Amino acid sequence: MARIEVRIDDDVKQKAVAELAKHQITLSAFVKAQVATVSSLLFNAKCRTK
């Protein structure tokens, strides 16, 4: 499994964590879902162009 590290302002992270917590989603789970979505979109776009 790969590891992704990013630097963001503490305030931005706190706001994101608070908002995601309202939906019972961790920041880690949200980022994983977003990366998977982008990966899937790019894969599907490549398949359509072939």
N, C-alpha and C. Protein backbone atom coordinates (compact mmCIF):
# COMPACT_ATOMS: atom_id res chain seq x y z
N MET A 1 0.85 -1.18 0.00
CA MET A 1 0.00 0.00 0.00
C MET A 1 0.89 1.24 0.00
N ALA A 2 0.53 2.23 -0.78
CA ALA A 2 1.30 3.47 -0.88
C ALA A 2 0.93 4.43 0.24
N ARG A 3 1.82 5.36 0.47
CA ARG A 3 1.60 6.38 1.49
C ARG A 3 1.64 7.75 0.81
N ILE A 4 0.69 8.61 1.16
CA ILE A 4 0.63 9.96 0.61
C ILE A 4 0.74 10.93 1.78
N GLU A 5 1.65 11.89 1.65
CA GLU A 5 1.80 12.91 2.69
C GLU A 5 1.55 14.28 2.07
N VAL A 6 0.77 15.10 2.74
CA VAL A 6 0.51 16.46 2.28
C VAL A 6 0.64 17.43 3.45
N ARG A 7 0.94 18.66 3.14
CA ARG A 7 1.00 19.70 4.16
C ARG A 7 -0.12 20.69 3.88
N ILE A 8 -0.95 20.90 4.89
CA ILE A 8 -2.03 21.88 4.78
C ILE A 8 -2.07 22.68 6.08
N ASP A 9 -2.68 23.84 6.02
CA ASP A 9 -2.81 24.67 7.22
C ASP A 9 -3.62 23.91 8.28
N ASP A 10 -3.23 24.08 9.53
CA ASP A 10 -3.93 23.43 10.64
C ASP A 10 -5.41 23.78 10.64
N ASP A 11 -5.72 25.05 10.36
CA ASP A 11 -7.10 25.51 10.37
C ASP A 11 -7.93 24.78 9.30
N VAL A 12 -7.36 24.61 8.13
CA VAL A 12 -8.06 23.92 7.04
C VAL A 12 -8.31 22.47 7.43
N LYS A 13 -7.31 21.83 8.00
CA LYS A 13 -7.47 20.43 8.41
C LYS A 13 -8.54 20.30 9.49
N GLN A 14 -8.52 21.17 10.48
CA GLN A 14 -9.50 21.11 11.55
C GLN A 14 -10.92 21.28 11.03
N LYS A 15 -11.10 22.21 10.10
CA LYS A 15 -12.43 22.43 9.51
C LYS A 15 -12.88 21.21 8.72
N ALA A 16 -11.97 20.64 7.96
CA ALA A 16 -12.31 19.45 7.16
C ALA A 16 -12.65 18.27 8.06
N VAL A 17 -11.86 18.05 9.08
CA VAL A 17 -12.11 16.93 10.00
C VAL A 17 -13.46 17.12 10.70
N ALA A 18 -13.77 18.33 11.11
CA ALA A 18 -15.04 18.61 11.77
C ALA A 18 -16.22 18.36 10.83
N GLU A 19 -16.11 18.81 9.60
CA GLU A 19 -17.20 18.62 8.63
C GLU A 19 -17.37 17.14 8.29
N LEU A 20 -16.27 16.45 8.07
CA LEU A 20 -16.36 15.02 7.76
C LEU A 20 -16.91 14.21 8.93
N ALA A 21 -16.59 14.63 10.15
CA ALA A 21 -17.08 13.93 11.34
C ALA A 21 -18.60 13.97 11.42
N LYS A 22 -19.21 15.03 10.90
CA LYS A 22 -20.67 15.12 10.88
C LYS A 22 -21.28 13.99 10.05
N HIS A 23 -20.49 13.48 9.12
CA HIS A 23 -20.95 12.41 8.23
C HIS A 23 -20.30 11.08 8.58
N GLN A 24 -19.64 11.04 9.74
CA GLN A 24 -18.96 9.84 10.24
C GLN A 24 -17.92 9.32 9.25
N ILE A 25 -17.16 10.24 8.68
CA ILE A 25 -16.10 9.89 7.73
C ILE A 25 -14.78 10.45 8.27
N THR A 26 -13.75 9.62 8.25
CA THR A 26 -12.44 10.12 8.66
C THR A 26 -11.77 10.83 7.49
N LEU A 27 -10.83 11.68 7.80
CA LEU A 27 -10.09 12.38 6.75
C LEU A 27 -9.36 11.37 5.87
N SER A 28 -8.80 10.36 6.48
CA SER A 28 -8.09 9.33 5.74
C SER A 28 -9.02 8.60 4.77
N ALA A 29 -10.20 8.22 5.23
CA ALA A 29 -11.16 7.52 4.37
C ALA A 29 -11.61 8.42 3.22
N PHE A 30 -11.79 9.70 3.50
CA PHE A 30 -12.20 10.65 2.46
C PHE A 30 -11.13 10.78 1.38
N VAL A 31 -9.88 10.92 1.80
CA VAL A 31 -8.79 11.07 0.84
C VAL A 31 -8.65 9.79 0.01
N LYS A 32 -8.75 8.63 0.64
CA LYS A 32 -8.67 7.36 -0.10
C LYS A 32 -9.78 7.28 -1.14
N ALA A 33 -10.98 7.68 -0.79
CA ALA A 33 -12.11 7.64 -1.73
C ALA A 33 -11.88 8.59 -2.90
N GLN A 34 -11.35 9.77 -2.62
CA GLN A 34 -11.11 10.75 -3.68
C GLN A 34 -10.04 10.26 -4.64
N VAL A 35 -8.97 9.68 -4.12
CA VAL A 35 -7.90 9.16 -4.97
C VAL A 35 -8.42 8.00 -5.81
N ALA A 36 -9.22 7.14 -5.23
CA ALA A 36 -9.80 6.01 -5.97
C ALA A 36 -10.73 6.52 -7.07
N THR A 37 -11.50 7.55 -6.79
CA THR A 37 -12.41 8.12 -7.78
C THR A 37 -11.63 8.69 -8.96
N VAL A 38 -10.60 9.47 -8.68
CA VAL A 38 -9.78 10.05 -9.75
C VAL A 38 -9.12 8.95 -10.57
N SER A 39 -8.59 7.95 -9.90
CA SER A 39 -7.95 6.83 -10.60
C SER A 39 -8.94 6.13 -11.52
N SER A 40 -10.13 5.91 -11.05
CA SER A 40 -11.16 5.24 -11.84
C SER A 40 -11.57 6.10 -13.04
N LEU A 41 -11.72 7.39 -12.82
CA LEU A 41 -12.10 8.29 -13.92
C LEU A 41 -11.04 8.30 -15.01
N LEU A 42 -9.78 8.36 -14.60
CA LEU A 42 -8.69 8.38 -15.58
C LEU A 42 -8.61 7.06 -16.33
N PHE A 43 -8.80 5.96 -15.61
CA PHE A 43 -8.77 4.64 -16.25
C PHE A 43 -9.91 4.52 -17.27
N ASN A 44 -11.09 4.95 -16.90
CA ASN A 44 -12.24 4.87 -17.81
C ASN A 44 -12.05 5.78 -19.02
N ALA A 45 -11.44 6.94 -18.82
CA ALA A 45 -11.20 7.85 -19.94
C ALA A 45 -10.20 7.23 -20.91
N LYS A 46 -9.19 6.56 -20.42
CA LYS A 46 -8.20 5.90 -21.28
C LYS A 46 -8.86 4.78 -22.08
N CYS A 47 -9.74 4.02 -21.45
CA CYS A 47 -10.41 2.92 -22.12
C CYS A 47 -11.30 3.42 -23.27
N ARG A 48 -11.91 4.57 -23.08
CA ARG A 48 -12.79 5.12 -24.12
C ARG A 48 -12.03 5.65 -25.32
N THR A 49 -10.76 6.04 -25.12
CA THR A 49 -10.00 6.61 -26.23
C THR A 49 -9.30 5.54 -27.07
N LYS A 50 -9.31 4.32 -26.62
CA LYS A 50 -8.66 3.23 -27.38
C LYS A 50 -9.61 2.58 -28.34
